[in-house]
Amino acid sequence: MKSMAWLWSACIVALLCANVRAIDQPDEEDELTPPPREREFASAGEAMGFGLGRGFANLTLGAIEIPRNFLYEFTRRPLSAVITAPMMGATLTAARAVYGAIDVLSLGLNGYYEYAAAIPDYPWESPWVATETQME
């Protein structure tokens, strides 16, 4: 019971630290557009807060990538999803753990930069359901 309380408190702290903003979804969710390479903040403290919040969120909630990839792959490619969903979910979970650790260990100074085109800042920003199905 104490471990569940620790998990919930870590999730609440991560969500409170994260600077969650409403983002505009592109018209087609499957098309990845390259993000801007560098963010602009009013101060270094704001960048550090964003980086630390993003790091803690990715360390604690990175495992969301596994069920998200199952939903996404089964709606996008139902025939090959049994193989691709767990592999992509585990890979993105590990990537989020590494990126989150880098953000936390650098005290948020990496908040100025995006991760990559395929990895949004937070796990909940990725599409959960595909808009088109490929039966290949």
Protein backbone atom coordinates (compact mmCIF):
# COMPACT_ATOMS: atom_id res chain seq x y z
CA MET A 1 0.00 0.00 0.00
CA LYS A 2 2.88 2.35 0.77
CA SER A 3 4.40 1.73 -2.66
CA MET A 4 1.15 2.81 -4.33
CA ALA A 5 1.09 5.98 -2.23
CA TRP A 6 4.66 6.70 -3.30
CA LEU A 7 3.75 6.14 -6.95
CA TRP A 8 0.72 8.44 -6.77
CA SER A 9 2.68 11.15 -4.98
CA ALA A 10 5.47 10.91 -7.59
CA CYS A 11 2.89 11.26 -10.37
CA ILE A 12 1.32 14.29 -8.71
CA VAL A 13 4.71 15.94 -8.20
CA ALA A 14 5.65 15.25 -11.83
CA LEU A 15 2.42 16.73 -13.10
CA LEU A 16 2.77 19.77 -10.87
CA CYS A 17 6.35 20.34 -11.99
CA ALA A 18 5.57 19.90 -15.65
CA ASN A 19 4.72 23.03 -17.53
CA VAL A 20 1.81 21.51 -19.40
CA ARG A 21 0.51 23.67 -22.20
CA ALA A 22 -2.23 23.06 -24.69
CA ILE A 23 -0.68 22.16 -28.01
CA ASP A 24 -2.18 22.36 -31.45
CA GLN A 25 -2.56 18.94 -33.00
CA PRO A 26 -1.54 18.73 -36.65
CA ASP A 27 -4.22 17.85 -39.17
CA GLU A 28 -2.72 14.43 -39.75
CA GLU A 29 -1.44 12.78 -36.60
CA ASP A 30 0.65 10.22 -38.46
CA GLU A 31 2.80 12.86 -40.16
CA LEU A 32 5.77 13.87 -38.05
CA THR A 33 6.88 17.43 -38.47
CA PRO A 34 10.34 18.37 -37.28
CA PRO A 35 10.11 20.51 -34.14
CA PRO A 36 12.01 23.74 -33.68
CA ARG A 37 15.53 23.00 -32.54
CA GLU A 38 15.71 25.50 -29.69
CA ARG A 39 13.04 26.86 -27.35
CA GLU A 40 12.93 30.43 -26.15
CA PHE A 41 12.28 31.24 -22.51
CA ALA A 42 12.15 34.53 -20.64
CA SER A 43 14.81 33.42 -18.15
CA ALA A 44 17.15 30.57 -17.36
CA GLY A 45 14.99 29.71 -14.34
CA GLU A 46 11.97 29.18 -16.55
CA ALA A 47 13.99 26.91 -18.85
CA MET A 48 15.31 24.95 -15.87
CA GLY A 49 11.80 24.53 -14.46
CA PHE A 50 10.53 23.26 -17.78
CA GLY A 51 13.49 20.88 -18.16
CA LEU A 52 13.19 19.51 -14.61
CA GLY A 53 9.43 19.05 -14.95
CA ARG A 54 9.86 17.29 -18.28
CA GLY A 55 12.61 15.10 -16.82
CA PHE A 56 10.61 14.01 -13.77
CA ALA A 57 7.51 13.42 -15.91
CA ASN A 58 9.43 11.23 -18.33
CA LEU A 59 11.15 9.29 -15.54
CA THR A 60 7.93 8.54 -13.68
CA LEU A 61 5.41 8.27 -16.52
CA GLY A 62 7.56 6.92 -19.37
CA ALA A 63 5.97 3.48 -18.98
CA ILE A 64 2.77 4.97 -20.47
CA GLU A 65 4.45 4.39 -23.85
CA ILE A 66 3.79 0.63 -23.64
CA PRO A 67 -0.05 0.74 -23.52
CA ARG A 68 -0.05 3.77 -25.84
CA ASN A 69 1.91 1.86 -28.46
CA PHE A 70 -0.38 -1.14 -28.14
CA LEU A 71 -3.42 1.04 -28.84
CA TYR A 72 -1.72 2.97 -31.61
CA GLU A 73 -0.21 -0.01 -33.41
CA PHE A 74 -3.37 -2.14 -33.18
CA THR A 75 -5.39 0.66 -34.78
CA ARG A 76 -2.73 1.42 -37.38
CA ARG A 77 -1.33 -2.01 -38.38
CA PRO A 78 -3.44 -4.76 -36.78
CA LEU A 79 -1.60 -7.62 -38.49
CA SER A 80 1.91 -6.79 -37.34
CA ALA A 81 1.04 -5.04 -34.07
CA VAL A 82 1.68 -8.12 -31.96
CA ILE A 83 5.36 -7.82 -32.82
CA THR A 84 5.86 -4.07 -33.27
CA ALA A 85 3.81 -2.72 -30.33
CA PRO A 86 5.83 -4.23 -27.45
CA MET A 87 9.13 -3.48 -29.16
CA MET A 88 8.27 0.15 -29.87
CA GLY A 89 6.74 0.59 -26.42
CA ALA A 90 9.82 -0.77 -24.66
CA THR A 91 12.15 1.27 -26.87
CA LEU A 92 10.29 4.53 -26.26
CA THR A 93 10.04 3.80 -22.53
CA ALA A 94 13.81 3.32 -22.36
CA ALA A 95 14.39 6.47 -24.45
CA ARG A 96 12.14 8.49 -22.15
CA ALA A 97 13.99 7.15 -19.10
CA VAL A 98 17.35 8.15 -20.58
CA TYR A 99 16.14 11.59 -21.69
CA GLY A 100 14.44 12.15 -18.33
CA ALA A 101 17.60 11.19 -16.46
CA ILE A 102 19.62 13.60 -18.62
CA ASP A 103 17.14 16.39 -17.90
CA VAL A 104 17.20 15.75 -14.14
CA LEU A 105 20.97 15.28 -13.88
CA SER A 106 21.61 18.47 -15.86
CA LEU A 107 19.23 20.32 -13.50
CA GLY A 108 16.90 21.16 -16.37
CA LEU A 109 19.38 23.05 -18.48
CA ASN A 110 18.40 20.90 -21.48
CA GLY A 111 14.95 22.48 -21.37
CA TYR A 112 15.98 24.74 -24.22
CA TYR A 113 16.02 21.83 -26.68
CA GLU A 114 13.51 19.38 -28.11
CA TYR A 115 14.13 15.64 -27.83
CA ALA A 116 13.54 14.46 -31.40
CA ALA A 117 10.93 14.58 -34.13
CA ALA A 118 9.51 11.17 -33.14
CA ILE A 119 9.51 11.79 -29.37
CA PRO A 120 7.35 14.62 -28.01
CA ASP A 121 8.30 16.24 -24.71
CA TYR A 122 5.74 14.31 -22.65
CA PRO A 123 4.31 10.78 -23.11
CA TRP A 124 0.71 12.00 -23.23
CA GLU A 125 1.41 14.27 -26.21
CA SER A 126 1.85 11.33 -28.61
CA PRO A 127 -1.16 10.10 -30.62
CA TRP A 128 -2.97 7.21 -28.95
CA VAL A 129 -5.19 6.12 -31.87
CA ALA A 130 -4.16 6.09 -35.52
CA THR A 131 -6.37 7.88 -38.01
CA GLU A 132 -5.72 5.40 -40.82
CA THR A 133 -5.41 1.62 -40.85
CA GLN A 134 -2.88 -0.19 -43.00
CA MET A 135 -3.78 -3.80 -43.75
CA GLU A 136 -0.39 -5.01 -44.98
